[in-house]
Every structure is written in C-alpha cells, then in structure tokens.
Amino acid sequence: MADVPQFVDHETTLDTPRPVRSTPRATPRVMPVETAEPRRRFLATLDTPVLAVTGLLLAIGLMMVYSTTFDWSYQVYGDPATIFMRHLRNVGVAVVFFVLLALIDYRVWRRVAVLLLLLTIGALVAVLLFGDDTLLDARRALVNGSLQPGELAELTIVIYLAAWLGSRRTQVRSIAYGLIPFAVLVGLLAGLVLLQPDISTAATIVAVAGIMFFLAGGDLAQLGVAAVIVGVVGLLYITQSGPDYAQGRLSSYLSGAADLTQADDHIQQAIKAFSNGGWTGVGLGQGRQKFERLPAPHTDSIFAVIGEELGILGASLVVLLYTVLVVRGLQIARRAPDSFGSLLAAGLTIWIAVKALLNIAVMTAIVPPTGASLPFISFGGSSLVVVMAGVGLMLSVARVRLLQNTPRRPVTERSQTVANSDLGGRHRRPRVSGARRRRSVNPAGSER
C-alpha cells in the first residue's frame, strides 16, 4: 500500500506479518486564522472569470476615455488629463461599491427590496420636480448631475423582481396575481423614466423585466400579449413625442435603412469611424472622428471610437469580453443556492447584456439612436457605479454558493482550538466525496 504508512519490526523475520501503523495520518498545519484564513477565504471564493473580464473592460474604458477627452480637456481646462482623472475617480468609487456588495451576503437585499423600490420611485419623482439636468430638454439627474435615478431604477427593478418572482413561483402564471401586478410595477417605473424623457433606460427596464418574468415561469402567451401592449404604447409615445426627439429619430432611422446617406448624422459619423478603422484600426489616440462631427465620443459613441482606433478586431474583442461575462453570469445563476439568487444573477447578467447590446446596435445602425452608454467603458459616474454594484451582487451569489457547498472539515486535536473562527472548513474548496477514501488492510498487509 502506497497510501498507508507501514514499518518492519527488526526482531521479526520477513515471513512475519508486518503490523499496520495505527496512529492517524498527520493533519495539515493550521495557519493563524487572524492573518491567513480571512484572506485565503476571500480570494478562494472570488469568481476569476468575472473579475478578469471586468478588469479588462475597465482598463479599455480608461484608455478610451482618455483618448476621447484629452483634446477637449486641454481646450477647456488647460490640462489633457482633467476629465480622465474624473473618470478615474468614478472608477475608484465604483470599485468600492463592487467590493462591498461582493462581500455582503446577497440574501440581505431580499429583505430590503421593497424599501429600495420605494426609494427609487421617490427619486424618479424627485428628478421630475427638482432635476437639474436640462440637456436636450431632459431632466435626468439630481445633485448637480452626480445622481441619475434612471440608472438606479435599472438595478432596483432587478433586485425587486428577483425577490418578488422568487416568492411567487406558483403564482407567476396567474393573471390576477402574476401578470397584472408585474405589468403595473414595470409600467410605473418605465413611465416615470419616459417622463424625463429617457427612452433607452425605459426600454432596458421593460426588456430585462420581461426576460426575468419568463425565466421565473411566466406564460409565453401572456408575455406575447404584454409585448403587443408595450409595442402599441411605445408607438403612441413616439408619435406624440414630436420630430425633435423619438419621432425624428425613428423617421431618420427608417430613411437610413433604405439609403444610408439619409440616415441620422450620428449614425453616419459612427459608420464612417468604423470605415476609417478597418480591421486593425488607425491606432490608439489617432482617431479623427472624435474631433469632428461624432457626437458624445466619450459616452454614447465610444464604441465607434473603439472601432476607428482599434479596428474591427478591437471592437470584436470588446464584444467577446461581454459574451464571456454573460456566459459566466448565467452559469452563476444556474448554480445559485436559491431561487432569489438564481433570478438575481440571471437578471443582472441580462441587464448588462441588454445595455451593451443596445449601445453596440445603435453604433452599427441596427436600431435608432437611443443615448445608451456602454457598460464599464463609457464616461459617467452613475452608470459605472451602478453596473459595478450589479457585478458585485453577481459575485456575492457565487461566493455564497461556494461557502455553502464546501464540506465541514473533521475536527482534530490541532484544529479544535480554531474551529469556531475557522467556519469548520467551509471556506475551502469542496472535495469530491469518496475521492480520497482509505482502503482497508488486513493484518497481513494485503488489501481487502
């Protein structure tokens, strides 16, 4: 036996059966819990693919924000890095929220979901009454533009629906207890956002909520009827919005679908940026469209700048990173320990995917311009902080699952003194049951 220590008594012959050593195998040395164990436990429960993709997207965002703002920043502030430093500060704040929400048990948010929803509704009403952002006749921000309740509403609706739908798994298909309350809630939030007006945020809320309702067991026929109603309401809103906003954008989009030269100037400049970049791009910082007629190159149009400076290959890398994040997020949702965690992780993943897809679709002339930002990359404090908070919640679901699934370590003489603070070994990676099972040995040393 290779895994059972044996010894030979020097007073016996080779024909004498060799006794088996009865002392237990030495237990591994237990490191001080106060120093090594908390750090090891934290690092062992972090989801590496999510961390890697998030870090890469943030790094790309830092590069592109500087590339799109250094000239503007120099002209306005006399320093090419002023706007970039603001974005770097926003990244720092976002990382703090990301870490905090990753450390907090995600199940806490199920108990405060109603309070979060009420606070969000209050903020949406407040921005209509006291909003200070009057750009393009829109009121979308509070506190001198530093807080956008619409961005917060996207995260809040995911948390609340995960809690509500998770507790009504048997009533989701009911019209009275499922579809009607769901439609009233989503319609209220989307309607308050449309009053700002903000079409992209309202569309994101409706799309994410509908997919979460379906994942929770909603009936396809009911969802089909709801989709028709949403389409009719959206068409009425567009026709009543006037030629300077949604109606004009839709008309320009339909004209551009038949003839690209008749498309909205925003779309034409974005397509021109991609055309200039080709496969490999003109080089980081060397793009020209951001200096000319491409609107909002550091926010809405930043993906077009990526296409010009990094080329189709660079833009494809960004799309690939989002794809990896979506796949990993859905895996976390599938392995979540409860229905709330599963719906929460799935909703957060879908939310990030919808935001990214909407921005990319606008820049490639697939859908009309909506003003959607690119998650993790575009300049903007509220959007970045809220998205990073969502990824932190996603990681919290993964961490709780790992902590729950790790088996308890058997208490030995050496580990008994730290059993209370060691969490019984739940911080360690789970082991396959029976993989290290000992084989029994008879006194003669042969295996049974």
Protein backbone atom coordinates (compact mmCIF):
# COMPACT_ATOMS: atom_id res chain seq x y z
CA MET A 1 0.00 0.00 0.00
CA ALA A 2 1.39 3.34 -1.03
CA ASP A 3 -1.05 5.47 0.93
CA VAL A 4 -0.87 3.59 4.27
CA PRO A 5 2.40 4.01 6.18
CA GLN A 6 3.99 0.67 7.28
CA PHE A 7 7.07 -0.32 9.20
CA VAL A 8 9.09 -3.54 9.85
CA ASP A 9 9.98 -4.79 13.32
CA HIS A 10 13.73 -5.54 13.35
CA GLU A 11 13.21 -8.52 15.73
CA THR A 12 10.98 -10.42 13.27
CA THR A 13 11.73 -12.21 10.03
CA LEU A 14 10.43 -11.29 6.62
CA ASP A 15 7.85 -14.10 6.89
CA THR A 16 6.25 -12.49 9.90
CA PRO A 17 3.22 -10.38 9.01
CA ARG A 18 4.01 -6.67 9.21
CA PRO A 19 1.80 -4.81 11.65
CA VAL A 20 -0.07 -1.78 10.40
CA ARG A 21 0.70 1.59 11.89
CA SER A 22 -2.33 2.56 13.95
CA THR A 23 -1.55 6.23 14.50
CA PRO A 24 -3.64 8.62 12.39
CA ARG A 25 -2.15 10.44 9.47
CA ALA A 26 -0.69 13.80 10.43
CA THR A 27 -3.09 16.64 9.93
CA PRO A 28 -2.03 19.65 7.88
CA ARG A 29 -0.63 22.56 9.78
CA VAL A 30 -3.31 25.11 10.62
CA MET A 31 -2.23 28.65 9.84
CA PRO A 32 -3.26 31.52 12.11
CA VAL A 33 -6.87 32.35 11.40
CA GLU A 34 -6.42 36.03 12.15
CA THR A 35 -3.97 36.51 9.28
CA ALA A 36 -4.00 33.87 6.57
CA GLU A 37 -7.51 32.40 6.71
CA PRO A 38 -9.68 35.51 6.02
CA ARG A 39 -7.57 36.48 3.04
CA ARG A 40 -7.49 32.93 1.70
CA ARG A 41 -11.21 32.50 2.25
CA PHE A 42 -11.98 35.75 0.40
CA LEU A 43 -9.70 35.04 -2.57
CA ALA A 44 -10.88 31.43 -2.86
CA THR A 45 -14.50 32.49 -3.26
CA LEU A 46 -13.95 35.15 -5.92
CA ASP A 47 -15.06 34.22 -9.43
CA THR A 48 -11.92 34.58 -11.53
CA PRO A 49 -13.55 34.85 -14.99
CA VAL A 50 -15.88 37.64 -13.85
CA LEU A 51 -13.02 39.51 -12.19
CA ALA A 52 -10.78 39.16 -15.25
CA VAL A 53 -13.42 40.31 -17.74
CA THR A 54 -14.50 43.22 -15.54
CA GLY A 55 -10.90 44.34 -15.08
CA LEU A 56 -10.20 44.21 -18.81
CA LEU A 57 -13.34 46.19 -19.68
CA LEU A 58 -12.46 48.83 -17.07
CA ALA A 59 -8.92 49.06 -18.49
CA ILE A 60 -10.27 49.51 -22.02
CA GLY A 61 -12.61 52.17 -20.70
CA LEU A 62 -9.76 54.09 -19.08
CA MET A 63 -7.78 54.07 -22.32
CA MET A 64 -10.70 55.12 -24.48
CA VAL A 65 -11.94 57.85 -22.14
CA TYR A 66 -8.50 59.46 -22.17
CA SER A 67 -8.27 59.05 -25.94
CA THR A 68 -11.63 60.74 -26.48
CA THR A 69 -11.23 63.57 -23.95
CA PHE A 70 -7.60 64.71 -23.90
CA ASP A 71 -8.09 67.38 -26.57
CA TRP A 72 -11.39 68.61 -25.17
CA SER A 73 -9.97 68.60 -21.65
CA TYR A 74 -6.96 70.64 -22.74
CA GLN A 75 -9.11 73.22 -24.53
CA VAL A 76 -11.48 73.66 -21.58
CA TYR A 77 -9.25 73.13 -18.55
CA GLY A 78 -5.73 73.57 -19.89
CA ASP A 79 -4.85 70.02 -18.84
CA PRO A 80 -5.39 66.98 -21.08
CA ALA A 81 -5.94 64.68 -18.09
CA THR A 82 -8.61 66.59 -16.14
CA ILE A 83 -11.63 64.69 -17.47
CA PHE A 84 -9.68 61.44 -17.38
CA MET A 85 -8.95 61.96 -13.68
CA ARG A 86 -12.66 62.43 -13.06
CA HIS A 87 -13.30 59.12 -14.75
CA LEU A 88 -10.53 57.50 -12.72
CA ARG A 89 -12.19 58.82 -9.56
CA ASN A 90 -15.50 57.34 -10.73
CA VAL A 91 -13.78 54.00 -11.29
CA GLY A 92 -12.40 54.12 -7.75
CA VAL A 93 -15.84 54.79 -6.27
CA ALA A 94 -17.34 52.04 -8.43
CA VAL A 95 -14.73 49.54 -7.27
CA VAL A 96 -15.55 50.36 -3.64
CA PHE A 97 -19.24 49.59 -4.23
CA PHE A 98 -18.25 46.48 -6.17
CA VAL A 99 -16.17 45.10 -3.28
CA LEU A 100 -18.75 45.96 -0.62
CA LEU A 101 -21.61 44.29 -2.47
CA ALA A 102 -19.45 41.26 -3.26
CA LEU A 103 -18.69 40.82 0.45
CA ILE A 104 -22.27 41.30 1.70
CA ASP A 105 -24.49 38.23 1.58
CA TYR A 106 -26.84 38.84 -1.34
CA ARG A 107 -29.82 37.47 0.64
CA VAL A 108 -29.82 40.69 2.67
CA TRP A 109 -31.23 42.55 -0.32
CA ARG A 110 -34.28 40.31 -0.47
CA ARG A 111 -35.40 41.71 2.90
CA VAL A 112 -34.96 45.35 1.82
CA ALA A 113 -36.19 45.00 -1.78
CA VAL A 114 -39.46 46.83 -1.08
CA LEU A 115 -37.63 49.70 0.63
CA LEU A 116 -35.23 50.00 -2.32
CA LEU A 117 -38.16 50.11 -4.73
CA LEU A 118 -39.92 52.86 -2.77
CA LEU A 119 -36.73 54.93 -2.53
CA THR A 120 -36.18 54.56 -6.28
CA ILE A 121 -39.73 55.64 -7.09
CA GLY A 122 -39.26 58.63 -4.82
CA ALA A 123 -36.01 59.55 -6.58
CA LEU A 124 -37.69 59.26 -10.00
CA VAL A 125 -40.45 61.62 -8.87
CA ALA A 126 -37.90 63.99 -7.35
CA VAL A 127 -35.91 64.25 -10.56
CA LEU A 128 -39.05 65.28 -12.43
CA LEU A 129 -39.73 68.00 -9.87
CA PHE A 130 -36.24 69.17 -8.98
CA GLY A 131 -33.97 67.73 -11.66
CA ASP A 132 -31.11 69.99 -12.70
CA ASP A 133 -30.09 68.32 -15.95
CA THR A 134 -31.82 70.27 -18.72
CA LEU A 135 -29.69 68.98 -21.62
CA LEU A 136 -31.90 68.43 -24.67
CA ASP A 137 -34.94 69.45 -22.57
CA ALA A 138 -34.47 66.38 -20.33
CA ARG A 139 -34.38 66.15 -16.54
CA ARG A 140 -32.49 63.03 -15.59
CA ALA A 141 -30.14 63.91 -12.72
CA LEU A 142 -30.02 65.21 -9.16
CA VAL A 143 -27.24 66.75 -7.05
CA ASN A 144 -25.63 68.73 -9.88
CA GLY A 145 -25.75 65.80 -12.29
CA SER A 146 -23.98 63.30 -10.00
CA LEU A 147 -27.02 61.06 -9.39
CA GLN A 148 -29.24 59.66 -12.13
CA PRO A 149 -32.24 57.81 -10.65
CA GLY A 150 -32.94 56.17 -14.01
CA GLU A 151 -29.69 54.19 -13.76
CA LEU A 152 -30.57 53.20 -10.20
CA ALA A 153 -34.03 52.08 -11.35
CA GLU A 154 -32.46 49.52 -13.68
CA LEU A 155 -30.66 47.85 -10.78
CA THR A 156 -33.57 48.19 -8.35
CA ILE A 157 -36.06 46.51 -10.69
CA VAL A 158 -33.73 43.50 -11.00
CA ILE A 159 -33.40 43.14 -7.21
CA TYR A 160 -37.10 43.61 -6.54
CA LEU A 161 -38.28 41.28 -9.30
CA ALA A 162 -35.81 38.59 -8.16
CA ALA A 163 -37.33 38.76 -4.66
CA TRP A 164 -40.94 39.05 -5.82
CA LEU A 165 -40.85 36.44 -8.57
CA GLY A 166 -38.79 34.09 -6.41
CA SER A 167 -41.53 34.13 -3.76
CA ARG A 168 -44.36 33.63 -6.27
CA ARG A 169 -43.11 30.71 -8.30
CA THR A 170 -46.55 29.03 -8.19
CA GLN A 171 -48.46 32.25 -8.99
CA VAL A 172 -46.40 33.63 -11.86
CA ARG A 173 -48.76 32.13 -14.46
CA SER A 174 -51.78 33.66 -12.75
CA ILE A 175 -53.10 36.78 -14.45
CA ALA A 176 -54.50 38.30 -11.27
CA TYR A 177 -51.51 37.54 -9.02
CA GLY A 178 -48.74 37.41 -11.60
CA LEU A 179 -49.07 39.31 -14.85
CA ILE A 180 -51.19 42.27 -13.69
CA PRO A 181 -49.06 43.24 -10.65
CA PHE A 182 -45.94 42.73 -12.74
CA ALA A 183 -47.25 44.95 -15.55
CA VAL A 184 -48.32 47.70 -13.12
CA LEU A 185 -44.91 47.77 -11.43
CA VAL A 186 -42.85 47.76 -14.62
CA GLY A 187 -45.21 50.24 -16.27
CA LEU A 188 -44.89 52.62 -13.31
CA LEU A 189 -41.09 52.66 -13.37
CA ALA A 190 -40.84 52.81 -17.16
CA GLY A 191 -43.47 55.57 -17.30
CA LEU A 192 -41.61 57.73 -14.77
CA VAL A 193 -38.42 57.28 -16.78
CA LEU A 194 -40.17 58.17 -20.04
CA LEU A 195 -41.35 61.43 -18.49
CA GLN A 196 -37.73 62.60 -18.12
CA PRO A 197 -37.57 61.59 -21.08
CA ASP A 198 -35.14 58.66 -21.38
CA ILE A 199 -36.15 56.05 -23.95
CA SER A 200 -33.06 53.83 -23.63
CA THR A 201 -33.43 53.39 -19.85
CA ALA A 202 -37.16 52.71 -20.13
CA ALA A 203 -36.57 50.15 -22.89
CA THR A 204 -33.88 48.47 -20.79
CA ILE A 205 -36.21 48.21 -17.78
CA VAL A 206 -39.02 46.70 -19.86
CA ALA A 207 -36.75 44.24 -21.69
CA VAL A 208 -34.94 43.00 -18.58
CA ALA A 209 -38.16 42.69 -16.59
CA GLY A 210 -39.86 40.73 -19.37
CA ILE A 211 -36.99 38.25 -19.64
CA MET A 212 -36.91 37.79 -15.86
CA PHE A 213 -40.66 37.15 -15.85
CA PHE A 214 -40.17 34.48 -18.49
CA LEU A 215 -37.30 32.86 -16.59
CA ALA A 216 -39.43 32.75 -13.45
CA GLY A 217 -42.02 30.62 -15.27
CA GLY A 218 -44.21 33.21 -16.96
CA ASP A 219 -46.60 32.04 -19.64
CA LEU A 220 -45.48 32.74 -23.21
CA ALA A 221 -49.00 33.65 -24.32
CA GLN A 222 -49.26 36.23 -21.55
CA LEU A 223 -45.86 37.63 -22.45
CA GLY A 224 -46.93 37.85 -26.09
CA VAL A 225 -49.99 39.90 -25.17
CA ALA A 226 -47.87 42.11 -22.92
CA ALA A 227 -45.37 42.63 -25.73
CA VAL A 228 -48.14 43.75 -28.08
CA ILE A 229 -49.40 46.22 -25.48
CA VAL A 230 -45.88 47.55 -24.92
CA GLY A 231 -45.42 47.96 -28.66
CA VAL A 232 -48.67 49.91 -29.02
CA VAL A 233 -47.85 52.16 -26.07
CA GLY A 234 -44.34 52.73 -27.42
CA LEU A 235 -45.67 53.64 -30.86
CA LEU A 236 -48.13 56.11 -29.34
CA TYR A 237 -45.35 57.66 -27.28
CA ILE A 238 -43.12 58.04 -30.33
CA THR A 239 -45.82 59.64 -32.44
CA GLN A 240 -46.63 62.10 -29.66
CA SER A 241 -43.01 62.96 -28.83
CA GLY A 242 -42.54 65.35 -31.74
CA PRO A 243 -39.97 65.50 -34.56
CA ASP A 244 -37.14 66.68 -32.30
CA TYR A 245 -36.95 63.51 -30.21
CA ALA A 246 -38.17 59.93 -30.68
CA GLN A 247 -40.32 60.58 -33.74
CA GLY A 248 -37.47 62.29 -35.56
CA ARG A 249 -35.03 59.55 -34.66
CA LEU A 250 -37.36 56.82 -35.88
CA SER A 251 -38.07 58.67 -39.12
CA SER A 252 -34.36 59.18 -39.75
CA TYR A 253 -33.66 55.54 -38.98
CA LEU A 254 -36.29 54.30 -41.43
CA SER A 255 -34.92 56.61 -44.12
CA GLY A 256 -31.38 55.39 -43.44
CA ALA A 257 -32.45 51.77 -43.66
CA ALA A 258 -33.26 52.34 -47.33
CA ASP A 259 -30.40 54.75 -48.04
CA LEU A 260 -27.52 55.18 -45.58
CA THR A 261 -26.85 58.69 -46.84
CA GLN A 262 -30.28 59.68 -45.49
CA ALA A 263 -29.61 58.29 -42.03
CA ASP A 264 -29.19 60.34 -38.88
CA ASP A 265 -25.91 62.27 -38.81
CA HIS A 266 -24.94 60.45 -35.62
CA ILE A 267 -25.19 57.08 -37.39
CA GLN A 268 -23.34 58.32 -40.47
CA GLN A 269 -20.43 59.55 -38.39
CA ALA A 270 -20.28 56.26 -36.46
CA ILE A 271 -20.25 54.22 -39.67
CA LYS A 272 -17.53 56.48 -41.04
CA ALA A 273 -15.45 55.83 -37.91
CA PHE A 274 -15.70 52.07 -38.41
CA SER A 275 -14.82 52.51 -42.08
CA ASN A 276 -11.72 54.53 -41.21
CA GLY A 277 -10.56 51.92 -38.72
CA GLY A 278 -10.71 48.89 -40.96
CA TRP A 279 -9.53 45.62 -39.43
CA THR A 280 -6.69 46.85 -37.23
CA GLY A 281 -7.58 50.50 -36.60
CA VAL A 282 -5.64 53.73 -37.04
CA GLY A 283 -4.01 53.45 -33.62
CA LEU A 284 -4.93 54.37 -30.07
CA GLY A 285 -5.48 58.11 -29.80
CA GLN A 286 -5.15 58.63 -33.57
CA GLY A 287 -8.82 58.63 -34.49
CA ARG A 288 -10.20 61.74 -36.20
CA GLN A 289 -13.97 61.33 -35.95
CA LYS A 290 -13.94 62.19 -32.25
CA PHE A 291 -12.50 65.61 -33.18
CA GLU A 292 -15.01 66.24 -35.94
CA ARG A 293 -18.75 65.55 -36.02
CA LEU A 294 -19.13 62.37 -33.95
CA PRO A 295 -21.36 63.38 -31.00
CA ALA A 296 -20.59 62.31 -27.40
CA PRO A 297 -17.48 60.28 -28.29
CA HIS A 298 -16.70 59.63 -24.61
CA THR A 299 -20.18 58.31 -23.72
CA ASP A 300 -22.77 57.20 -26.30
CA SER A 301 -20.37 56.92 -29.26
CA ILE A 302 -17.34 55.42 -27.55
CA PHE A 303 -17.80 52.07 -29.30
CA ALA A 304 -17.45 53.84 -32.66
CA VAL A 305 -14.16 55.35 -31.46
CA ILE A 306 -13.02 51.86 -30.48
CA GLY A 307 -13.86 50.67 -33.98
CA GLU A 308 -11.83 53.51 -35.54
CA GLU A 309 -8.76 53.36 -33.32
CA LEU A 310 -8.60 49.61 -32.57
CA GLY A 311 -10.35 48.37 -35.69
CA ILE A 312 -12.84 45.60 -36.16
CA LEU A 313 -10.54 43.26 -34.24
CA GLY A 314 -10.51 45.55 -31.21
CA ALA A 315 -14.28 46.01 -31.33
CA SER A 316 -14.69 42.23 -31.65
CA LEU A 317 -12.54 41.75 -28.55
CA VAL A 318 -14.89 44.01 -26.60
CA VAL A 319 -17.90 42.01 -27.82
CA LEU A 320 -16.11 38.79 -26.86
CA LEU A 321 -15.49 40.08 -23.33
CA TYR A 322 -19.18 40.88 -22.91
CA THR A 323 -20.04 37.42 -24.22
CA VAL A 324 -17.77 35.75 -21.68
CA LEU A 325 -19.30 37.83 -18.89
CA VAL A 326 -22.82 36.87 -19.96
CA VAL A 327 -22.00 33.16 -20.19
CA ARG A 328 -20.32 33.17 -16.79
CA GLY A 329 -23.17 35.15 -15.23
CA LEU A 330 -25.73 32.62 -16.48
CA GLN A 331 -23.58 29.81 -15.07
CA ILE A 332 -23.59 31.52 -11.69
CA ALA A 333 -27.37 31.88 -11.93
CA ARG A 334 -27.80 28.19 -12.76
CA ARG A 335 -25.72 27.13 -9.74
CA ALA A 336 -27.20 29.61 -7.27
CA PRO A 337 -28.28 28.14 -3.91
CA ASP A 338 -31.87 29.50 -4.04
CA SER A 339 -34.44 30.92 -6.42
CA PHE A 340 -33.75 34.52 -5.36
CA GLY A 341 -30.04 34.15 -6.10
CA SER A 342 -30.74 32.44 -9.40
CA LEU A 343 -33.12 35.15 -10.61
CA LEU A 344 -30.87 37.89 -9.25
CA ALA A 345 -27.75 36.65 -11.06
CA ALA A 346 -29.71 35.99 -14.26
CA GLY A 347 -31.36 39.41 -14.13
CA LEU A 348 -28.07 41.22 -13.55
CA THR A 349 -26.45 39.34 -16.41
CA ILE A 350 -29.31 40.08 -18.79
CA TRP A 351 -29.31 43.73 -17.73
CA ILE A 352 -25.63 44.21 -18.56
CA ALA A 353 -26.08 42.31 -21.83
CA VAL A 354 -29.06 44.46 -22.87
CA LYS A 355 -27.21 47.71 -22.10
CA ALA A 356 -24.14 46.63 -24.07
CA LEU A 357 -26.18 45.23 -26.95
CA LEU A 358 -28.26 48.40 -27.20
CA ASN A 359 -25.22 50.66 -27.44
CA ILE A 360 -23.47 48.44 -29.98
CA ALA A 361 -26.65 48.10 -32.04
CA VAL A 362 -27.04 51.88 -32.21
CA MET A 363 -23.43 52.40 -33.31
CA THR A 364 -23.79 49.79 -36.05
CA ALA A 365 -27.11 51.25 -37.34
CA ILE A 366 -29.18 48.25 -36.27
CA VAL A 367 -31.57 50.28 -34.09
CA PRO A 368 -32.37 54.01 -33.91
CA PRO A 369 -30.20 56.22 -31.67
CA THR A 370 -31.24 55.92 -28.03
CA GLY A 371 -28.46 57.51 -25.97
CA ALA A 372 -27.42 54.29 -24.21
CA SER A 373 -23.96 54.14 -22.64
CA LEU A 374 -21.54 51.23 -22.97
CA PRO A 375 -21.17 49.39 -19.61
CA PHE A 376 -17.75 49.62 -17.90
CA ILE A 377 -16.31 51.72 -20.75
CA SER A 378 -18.32 54.93 -21.24
CA PHE A 379 -17.62 58.01 -19.14
CA GLY A 380 -20.25 58.58 -16.46
CA GLY A 381 -20.27 58.15 -12.71
CA SER A 382 -23.83 56.91 -12.08
CA SER A 383 -23.81 54.32 -14.85
CA LEU A 384 -20.38 52.96 -13.90
CA VAL A 385 -21.12 52.74 -10.17
CA VAL A 386 -24.49 51.03 -10.69
CA VAL A 387 -23.10 48.49 -13.18
CA MET A 388 -20.15 47.66 -10.91
CA ALA A 389 -22.56 47.26 -8.00
CA GLY A 390 -24.51 44.79 -10.10
CA VAL A 391 -21.39 42.74 -10.81
CA GLY A 392 -20.62 42.80 -7.08
CA LEU A 393 -24.05 41.32 -6.39
CA MET A 394 -23.39 38.65 -9.00
CA LEU A 395 -20.12 37.73 -7.28
CA SER A 396 -21.92 37.60 -3.94
CA VAL A 397 -24.23 34.90 -5.32
CA ALA A 398 -21.21 32.89 -6.45
CA ARG A 399 -19.40 33.35 -3.11
CA VAL A 400 -22.38 32.23 -1.01
CA ARG A 401 -22.77 29.11 -3.15
CA LEU A 402 -19.12 28.18 -2.67
CA LEU A 403 -19.27 28.77 1.08
CA GLN A 404 -22.40 26.65 1.43
CA ASN A 405 -21.20 23.76 -0.72
CA THR A 406 -17.80 23.38 0.96
CA PRO A 407 -17.97 20.42 3.39
CA ARG A 408 -17.02 20.81 7.01
CA ARG A 409 -13.52 19.73 7.96
CA PRO A 410 -13.34 16.97 10.62
CA VAL A 411 -12.28 18.37 13.98
CA THR A 412 -8.86 17.14 15.14
CA GLU A 413 -6.71 17.97 18.12
CA ARG A 414 -4.85 20.63 16.16
CA SER A 415 -7.92 22.24 14.58
CA GLN A 416 -10.20 22.08 17.62
CA THR A 417 -8.77 25.26 19.07
CA VAL A 418 -9.73 27.33 16.00
CA ALA A 419 -12.94 25.54 15.00
CA ASN A 420 -15.19 28.46 15.88
CA SER A 421 -13.32 31.00 13.77
CA ASP A 422 -12.38 28.55 11.03
CA LEU A 423 -16.02 28.07 9.93
CA GLY A 424 -15.47 24.32 10.05
CA GLY A 425 -13.54 24.41 6.79
CA ARG A 426 -16.42 25.89 4.77
CA HIS A 427 -14.05 28.43 3.26
CA ARG A 428 -12.08 25.74 1.47
CA ARG A 429 -12.78 24.35 -1.96
CA PRO A 430 -15.26 21.45 -1.99
CA ARG A 431 -13.87 17.96 -2.30
CA VAL A 432 -15.34 15.04 -4.21
CA SER A 433 -16.91 12.63 -1.76
CA GLY A 434 -15.00 9.39 -1.58
CA ALA A 435 -12.16 10.54 -3.82
CA ARG A 436 -9.61 10.14 -1.04
CA ARG A 437 -11.25 7.20 0.75
CA ARG A 438 -8.90 4.90 2.54
CA ARG A 439 -8.73 1.24 1.61
CA SER A 440 -8.88 -1.22 4.48
CA VAL A 441 -5.93 -3.50 5.10
CA ASN A 442 -5.84 -6.83 6.91
CA PRO A 443 -3.07 -7.65 9.41
CA ALA A 444 -1.08 -9.42 6.72
CA GLY A 445 -0.79 -6.15 4.79
CA SER A 446 -2.95 -7.21 1.83
CA GLU A 447 -5.87 -5.17 0.56
CA ARG A 448 -9.42 -6.30 1.14
